[in-house]
Amino acid sequence: MVGEMMVKMTKLIAGALVVCATIVLVAWAIIRHVNHNQDVAWCYDHGYANYATKDGFCVGAGGKLIKVRG
């Protein structure tokens, strides 16, 4: 009886951890996406229309890197 309850609790805790980890990863991905979109908008607003890199730089004329908001 006690062994069955422990198995159920272990499965419940494992399931809860998987759900929490999934929520954290999805939130992290959304935040990164939004931040990148903001960086792209900053680049366009400041005349660097090529693109923004994932590490926070705009690519200007001739491949020159310009730090976003910085």
PDB file of N, CA and C in Angstrom:
ATOM      1  N   MET A   1       0.820  -1.199   0.000  1.00  0.00           N
ATOM      2  CA  MET A   1       0.000   0.000   0.000  1.00  0.00           C
ATOM      3  C   MET A   1       0.865   1.264   0.000  1.00  0.00           C
ATOM      4  N   VAL A   2       1.839   1.302   0.914  1.00  0.00           N
ATOM      5  CA  VAL A   2       2.700   2.477   0.995  1.00  0.00           C
ATOM      6  C   VAL A   2       3.589   2.563  -0.249  1.00  0.00           C
ATOM      7  N   GLY A   3       4.060   1.422  -0.733  1.00  0.00           N
ATOM      8  CA  GLY A   3       4.900   1.401  -1.931  1.00  0.00           C
ATOM      9  C   GLY A   3       4.175   1.931  -3.151  1.00  0.00           C
ATOM     10  N   GLU A   4       2.908   1.578  -3.298  1.00  0.00           N
ATOM     11  CA  GLU A   4       2.114   2.065  -4.434  1.00  0.00           C
ATOM     12  C   GLU A   4       1.924   3.579  -4.356  1.00  0.00           C
ATOM     13  N   MET A   5       1.730   4.080  -3.144  1.00  0.00           N
ATOM     14  CA  MET A   5       1.542   5.516  -2.967  1.00  0.00           C
ATOM     15  C   MET A   5       2.837   6.264  -3.308  1.00  0.00           C
ATOM     16  N   MET A   6       3.979   5.711  -2.944  1.00  0.00           N
ATOM     17  CA  MET A   6       5.268   6.334  -3.256  1.00  0.00           C
ATOM     18  C   MET A   6       5.486   6.390  -4.768  1.00  0.00           C
ATOM     19  N   VAL A   7       5.122   5.314  -5.462  1.00  0.00           N
ATOM     20  CA  VAL A   7       5.275   5.281  -6.911  1.00  0.00           C
ATOM     21  C   VAL A   7       4.390   6.340  -7.554  1.00  0.00           C
ATOM     22  N   LYS A   8       3.163   6.474  -7.086  1.00  0.00           N
ATOM     23  CA  LYS A   8       2.243   7.478  -7.624  1.00  0.00           C
ATOM     24  C   LYS A   8       2.765   8.890  -7.373  1.00  0.00           C
ATOM     25  N   MET A   9       3.263   9.125  -6.154  1.00  0.00           N
ATOM     26  CA  MET A   9       3.790  10.448  -5.812  1.00  0.00           C
ATOM     27  C   MET A   9       5.030  10.764  -6.644  1.00  0.00           C
ATOM     28  N   THR A  10       5.875   9.779  -6.861  1.00  0.00           N
ATOM     29  CA  THR A  10       7.078   9.986  -7.666  1.00  0.00           C
ATOM     30  C   THR A  10       6.704  10.344  -9.097  1.00  0.00           C
ATOM     31  N   LYS A  11       5.738   9.638  -9.656  1.00  0.00           N
ATOM     32  CA  LYS A  11       5.288   9.935 -11.010  1.00  0.00           C
ATOM     33  C   LYS A  11       4.652  11.325 -11.077  1.00  0.00           C
ATOM     34  N   LEU A  12       3.888  11.686 -10.057  1.00  0.00           N
ATOM     35  CA  LEU A  12       3.257  12.996 -10.012  1.00  0.00           C
ATOM     36  C   LEU A  12       4.305  14.104  -9.949  1.00  0.00           C
ATOM     37  N   ILE A  13       5.302  13.922  -9.112  1.00  0.00           N
ATOM     38  CA  ILE A  13       6.364  14.922  -8.983  1.00  0.00           C
ATOM     39  C   ILE A  13       7.156  15.019 -10.287  1.00  0.00           C
ATOM     40  N   ALA A  14       7.464  13.896 -10.900  1.00  0.00           N
ATOM     41  CA  ALA A  14       8.195  13.904 -12.169  1.00  0.00           C
ATOM     42  C   ALA A  14       7.387  14.618 -13.252  1.00  0.00           C
ATOM     43  N   GLY A  15       6.110  14.351 -13.301  1.00  0.00           N
ATOM     44  CA  GLY A  15       5.247  15.019 -14.273  1.00  0.00           C
ATOM     45  C   GLY A  15       5.192  16.521 -14.039  1.00  0.00           C
ATOM     46  N   ALA A  16       5.107  16.918 -12.779  1.00  0.00           N
ATOM     47  CA  ALA A  16       5.065  18.339 -12.446  1.00  0.00           C
ATOM     48  C   ALA A  16       6.374  19.023 -12.846  1.00  0.00           C
ATOM     49  N   LEU A  17       7.492  18.342 -12.642  1.00  0.00           N
ATOM     50  CA  LEU A  17       8.784  18.914 -13.026  1.00  0.00           C
ATOM     51  C   LEU A  17       8.889  19.078 -14.540  1.00  0.00           C
ATOM     52  N   VAL A  18       8.380  18.115 -15.281  1.00  0.00           N
ATOM     53  CA  VAL A  18       8.397  18.216 -16.742  1.00  0.00           C
ATOM     54  C   VAL A  18       7.544  19.398 -17.199  1.00  0.00           C
ATOM     55  N   VAL A  19       6.375  19.557 -16.608  1.00  0.00           N
ATOM     56  CA  VAL A  19       5.495  20.669 -16.965  1.00  0.00           C
ATOM     57  C   VAL A  19       6.165  22.007 -16.630  1.00  0.00           C
ATOM     58  N   CYS A  20       6.769  22.111 -15.464  1.00  0.00           N
ATOM     59  CA  CYS A  20       7.443  23.356 -15.069  1.00  0.00           C
ATOM     60  C   CYS A  20       8.611  23.670 -15.998  1.00  0.00           C
ATOM     61  N   ALA A  21       9.397  22.656 -16.325  1.00  0.00           N
ATOM     62  CA  ALA A  21      10.535  22.867 -17.226  1.00  0.00           C
ATOM     63  C   ALA A  21      10.050  23.321 -18.601  1.00  0.00           C
ATOM     64  N   THR A  22       8.966  22.757 -19.075  1.00  0.00           N
ATOM     65  CA  THR A  22       8.412  23.149 -20.371  1.00  0.00           C
ATOM     66  C   THR A  22       7.956  24.599 -20.347  1.00  0.00           C
ATOM     67  N   ILE A  23       7.283  24.998 -19.286  1.00  0.00           N
ATOM     68  CA  ILE A  23       6.816  26.380 -19.154  1.00  0.00           C
ATOM     69  C   ILE A  23       7.999  27.348 -19.144  1.00  0.00           C
ATOM     70  N   VAL A  24       9.047  27.011 -18.411  1.00  0.00           N
ATOM     71  CA  VAL A  24      10.230  27.871 -18.329  1.00  0.00           C
ATOM     72  C   VAL A  24      10.887  27.998 -19.704  1.00  0.00           C
ATOM     73  N   LEU A  25      11.037  26.898 -20.414  1.00  0.00           N
ATOM     74  CA  LEU A  25      11.677  26.942 -21.733  1.00  0.00           C
ATOM     75  C   LEU A  25      10.857  27.736 -22.749  1.00  0.00           C
ATOM     76  N   VAL A  26       9.550  27.582 -22.721  1.00  0.00           N
ATOM     77  CA  VAL A  26       8.693  28.343 -23.636  1.00  0.00           C
ATOM     78  C   VAL A  26       8.770  29.837 -23.312  1.00  0.00           C
ATOM     79  N   ALA A  27       8.735  30.178 -22.028  1.00  0.00           N
ATOM     80  CA  ALA A  27       8.830  31.587 -21.632  1.00  0.00           C
ATOM     81  C   ALA A  27      10.173  32.178 -22.061  1.00  0.00           C
ATOM     82  N   TRP A  28      11.249  31.424 -21.888  1.00  0.00           N
ATOM     83  CA  TRP A  28      12.586  31.881 -22.289  1.00  0.00           C
ATOM     84  C   TRP A  28      12.638  32.128 -23.797  1.00  0.00           C
ATOM     85  N   ALA A  29      12.064  31.222 -24.574  1.00  0.00           N
ATOM     86  CA  ALA A  29      12.073  31.360 -26.032  1.00  0.00           C
ATOM     87  C   ALA A  29      11.267  32.586 -26.469  1.00  0.00           C
ATOM     88  N   ILE A  30      10.131  32.821 -25.843  1.00  0.00           N
ATOM     89  CA  ILE A  30       9.302  33.978 -26.186  1.00  0.00           C
ATOM     90  C   ILE A  30      10.037  35.276 -25.853  1.00  0.00           C
ATOM     91  N   ILE A  31      10.670  35.320 -24.687  1.00  0.00           N
ATOM     92  CA  ILE A  31      11.403  36.521 -24.275  1.00  0.00           C
ATOM     93  C   ILE A  31      12.550  36.811 -25.239  1.00  0.00           C
ATOM     94  N   ARG A  32      13.291  35.781 -25.634  1.00  0.00           N
ATOM     95  CA  ARG A  32      14.382  35.967 -26.604  1.00  0.00           C
ATOM     96  C   ARG A  32      13.850  36.485 -27.931  1.00  0.00           C
ATOM     97  N   HIS A  33      12.738  35.928 -28.371  1.00  0.00           N
ATOM     98  CA  HIS A  33      12.140  36.352 -29.648  1.00  0.00           C
ATOM     99  C   HIS A  33      11.722  37.820 -29.596  1.00  0.00           C
ATOM    100  N   VAL A  34      11.068  38.208 -28.524  1.00  0.00           N
ATOM    101  CA  VAL A  34      10.616  39.593 -28.375  1.00  0.00           C
ATOM    102  C   VAL A  34      11.813  40.537 -28.308  1.00  0.00           C
ATOM    103  N   ASN A  35      12.840  40.160 -27.541  1.00  0.00           N
ATOM    104  CA  ASN A  35      14.026  41.008 -27.440  1.00  0.00           C
ATOM    105  C   ASN A  35      14.706  41.165 -28.799  1.00  0.00           C
ATOM    106  N   HIS A  36      14.787  40.089 -29.557  1.00  0.00           N
ATOM    107  CA  HIS A  36      15.403  40.168 -30.881  1.00  0.00           C
ATOM    108  C   HIS A  36      14.588  41.083 -31.794  1.00  0.00           C
ATOM    109  N   ASN A  37      13.273  40.958 -31.728  1.00  0.00           N
ATOM    110  CA  ASN A  37      12.426  41.834 -32.550  1.00  0.00           C
ATOM    111  C   ASN A  37      12.621  43.300 -32.171  1.00  0.00           C
ATOM    112  N   GLN A  38      12.809  43.573 -30.886  1.00  0.00           N
ATOM    113  CA  GLN A  38      13.063  44.946 -30.449  1.00  0.00           C
ATOM    114  C   GLN A  38      14.413  45.436 -30.972  1.00  0.00           C
ATOM    115  N   ASP A  39      15.408  44.557 -30.975  1.00  0.00           N
ATOM    116  CA  ASP A  39      16.721  44.920 -31.501  1.00  0.00           C
ATOM    117  C   ASP A  39      16.642  45.215 -32.998  1.00  0.00           C
ATOM    118  N   VAL A  40      15.888  44.390 -33.727  1.00  0.00           N
ATOM    119  CA  VAL A  40      15.707  44.622 -35.165  1.00  0.00           C
ATOM    120  C   VAL A  40      15.041  45.970 -35.396  1.00  0.00           C
ATOM    121  N   ALA A  41      14.016  46.282 -34.614  1.00  0.00           N
ATOM    122  CA  ALA A  41      13.325  47.569 -34.751  1.00  0.00           C
ATOM    123  C   ALA A  41      14.279  48.721 -34.454  1.00  0.00           C
ATOM    124  N   TRP A  42      15.137  48.570 -33.440  1.00  0.00           N
ATOM    125  CA  TRP A  42      16.107  49.608 -33.107  1.00  0.00           C
ATOM    126  C   TRP A  42      17.054  49.824 -34.278  1.00  0.00           C
ATOM    127  N   CYS A  43      17.517  48.740 -34.882  1.00  0.00           N
ATOM    128  CA  CYS A  43      18.426  48.850 -36.027  1.00  0.00           C
ATOM    129  C   CYS A  43      17.777  49.619 -37.173  1.00  0.00           C
ATOM    130  N   TYR A  44      16.535  49.250 -37.503  1.00  0.00           N
ATOM    131  CA  TYR A  44      15.834  49.940 -38.580  1.00  0.00           C
ATOM    132  C   TYR A  44      15.616  51.416 -38.248  1.00  0.00           C
ATOM    133  N   ASP A  45      15.242  51.697 -36.998  1.00  0.00           N
ATOM    134  CA  ASP A  45      14.996  53.083 -36.589  1.00  0.00           C
ATOM    135  C   ASP A  45      16.251  53.943 -36.679  1.00  0.00           C
ATOM    136  N   HIS A  46      17.423  53.328 -36.501  1.00  0.00           N
ATOM    137  CA  HIS A  46      18.674  54.080 -36.506  1.00  0.00           C
ATOM    138  C   HIS A  46      19.443  53.947 -37.825  1.00  0.00           C
ATOM    139  N   GLY A  47      18.776  53.453 -38.849  1.00  0.00           N
ATOM    140  CA  GLY A  47      19.345  53.459 -40.182  1.00  0.00           C
ATOM    141  C   GLY A  47      20.206  52.264 -40.547  1.00  0.00           C
ATOM    142  N   TYR A  48      20.202  51.239 -39.732  1.00  0.00           N
ATOM    143  CA  TYR A  48      20.966  50.031 -40.038  1.00  0.00           C
ATOM    144  C   TYR A  48      19.986  48.963 -40.510  1.00  0.00           C
ATOM    145  N   ALA A  49      19.640  49.044 -41.784  1.00  0.00           N
ATOM    146  CA  ALA A  49      18.517  48.264 -42.286  1.00  0.00           C
ATOM    147  C   ALA A  49      18.878  46.843 -42.704  1.00  0.00           C
ATOM    148  N   ASN A  50      20.127  46.432 -42.549  1.00  0.00           N
ATOM    149  CA  ASN A  50      20.478  45.083 -42.987  1.00  0.00           C
ATOM    150  C   ASN A  50      19.821  44.040 -42.083  1.00  0.00           C
ATOM    151  N   TYR A  51      20.283  43.911 -40.874  1.00  0.00           N
ATOM    152  CA  TYR A  51      19.651  42.999 -39.917  1.00  0.00           C
ATOM    153  C   TYR A  51      20.327  43.139 -38.561  1.00  0.00           C
ATOM    154  N   ALA A  52      19.730  42.537 -37.551  1.00  0.00           N
ATOM    155  CA  ALA A  52      20.322  42.500 -36.220  1.00  0.00           C
ATOM    156  C   ALA A  52      20.791  41.081 -35.956  1.00  0.00           C
ATOM    157  N   THR A  53      21.975  40.969 -35.367  1.00  0.00           N
ATOM    158  CA  THR A  53      22.491  39.645 -35.014  1.00  0.00           C
ATOM    159  C   THR A  53      21.868  39.194 -33.703  1.00  0.00           C
ATOM    160  N   LYS A  54      22.023  37.919 -33.389  1.00  0.00           N
ATOM    161  CA  LYS A  54      21.444  37.388 -32.156  1.00  0.00           C
ATOM    162  C   LYS A  54      22.201  37.843 -30.913  1.00  0.00           C
ATOM    163  N   ASP A  55      23.415  38.346 -31.081  1.00  0.00           N
ATOM    164  CA  ASP A  55      24.190  38.776 -29.917  1.00  0.00           C
ATOM    165  C   ASP A  55      24.169  40.289 -29.699  1.00  0.00           C
ATOM    166  N   GLY A  56      23.206  40.981 -30.311  1.00  0.00           N
ATOM    167  CA  GLY A  56      22.976  42.385 -29.995  1.00  0.00           C
ATOM    168  C   GLY A  56      23.719  43.392 -30.843  1.00  0.00           C
ATOM    169  N   PHE A  57      23.972  43.086 -32.095  1.00  0.00           N
ATOM    170  CA  PHE A  57      24.618  44.024 -32.993  1.00  0.00           C
ATOM    171  C   PHE A  57      23.763  44.227 -34.238  1.00  0.00           C
ATOM    172  N   CYS A  58      23.871  45.451 -34.810  1.00  0.00           N
ATOM    173  CA  CYS A  58      23.303  45.718 -36.123  1.00  0.00           C
ATOM    174  C   CYS A  58      24.439  45.600 -37.127  1.00  0.00           C
ATOM    175  N   VAL A  59      24.115  45.170 -38.304  1.00  0.00           N
ATOM    176  CA  VAL A  59      25.110  45.093 -39.363  1.00  0.00           C
ATOM    177  C   VAL A  59      24.890  46.285 -40.279  1.00  0.00           C
ATOM    178  N   GLY A  60      25.883  47.158 -40.314  1.00  0.00           N
ATOM    179  CA  GLY A  60      25.790  48.358 -41.128  1.00  0.00           C
ATOM    180  C   GLY A  60      26.421  48.162 -42.491  1.00  0.00           C
ATOM    181  N   ALA A  61      26.676  49.285 -43.148  1.00  0.00           N
ATOM    182  CA  ALA A  61      27.268  49.259 -44.479  1.00  0.00           C
ATOM    183  C   ALA A  61      28.645  48.605 -44.431  1.00  0.00           C
ATOM    184  N   GLY A  62      28.916  47.755 -45.394  1.00  0.00           N
ATOM    185  CA  GLY A  62      30.209  47.087 -45.478  1.00  0.00           C
ATOM    186  C   GLY A  62      30.432  46.055 -44.394  1.00  0.00           C
ATOM    187  N   GLY A  63      29.384  45.637 -43.711  1.00  0.00           N
ATOM    188  CA  GLY A  63      29.518  44.612 -42.677  1.00  0.00           C
ATOM    189  C   GLY A  63      29.955  45.134 -41.328  1.00  0.00           C
ATOM    190  N   LYS A  64      29.983  46.452 -41.148  1.00  0.00           N
ATOM    191  CA  LYS A  64      30.388  47.032 -39.870  1.00  0.00           C
ATOM    192  C   LYS A  64      29.343  46.701 -38.803  1.00  0.00           C
ATOM    193  N   LEU A  65      29.805  46.245 -37.633  1.00  0.00           N
ATOM    194  CA  LEU A  65      28.897  45.902 -36.537  1.00  0.00           C
ATOM    195  C   LEU A  65      28.724  47.106 -35.609  1.00  0.00           C
ATOM    196  N   ILE A  66      27.487  47.380 -35.277  1.00  0.00           N
ATOM    197  CA  ILE A  66      27.144  48.473 -34.368  1.00  0.00           C
ATOM    198  C   ILE A  66      26.372  47.880 -33.204  1.00  0.00           C
ATOM    199  N   LYS A  67      26.825  48.151 -31.977  1.00  0.00           N
ATOM    200  CA  LYS A  67      26.160  47.605 -30.791  1.00  0.00           C
ATOM    201  C   LYS A  67      24.778  48.217 -30.643  1.00  0.00           C
ATOM    202  N   VAL A  68      23.774  47.368 -30.430  1.00  0.00           N
ATOM    203  CA  VAL A  68      22.398  47.821 -30.259  1.00  0.00           C
ATOM    204  C   VAL A  68      22.273  48.517 -28.906  1.00  0.00           C
ATOM    205  N   ARG A  69      21.627  49.687 -28.926  1.00  0.00           N
ATOM    206  CA  ARG A  69      21.364  50.469 -27.716  1.00  0.00           C
ATOM    207  C   ARG A  69      22.615  50.656 -26.885  1.00  0.00           C
ATOM    208  N   GLY A  70      23.675  51.013 -27.521  1.00  0.00           N
ATOM    209  CA  GLY A  70      24.810  51.062 -26.678  1.00  0.00           C
ATOM    210  C   GLY A  70      25.867  51.997 -26.863  1.00  0.00           C
TER     211      GLY A  70
END
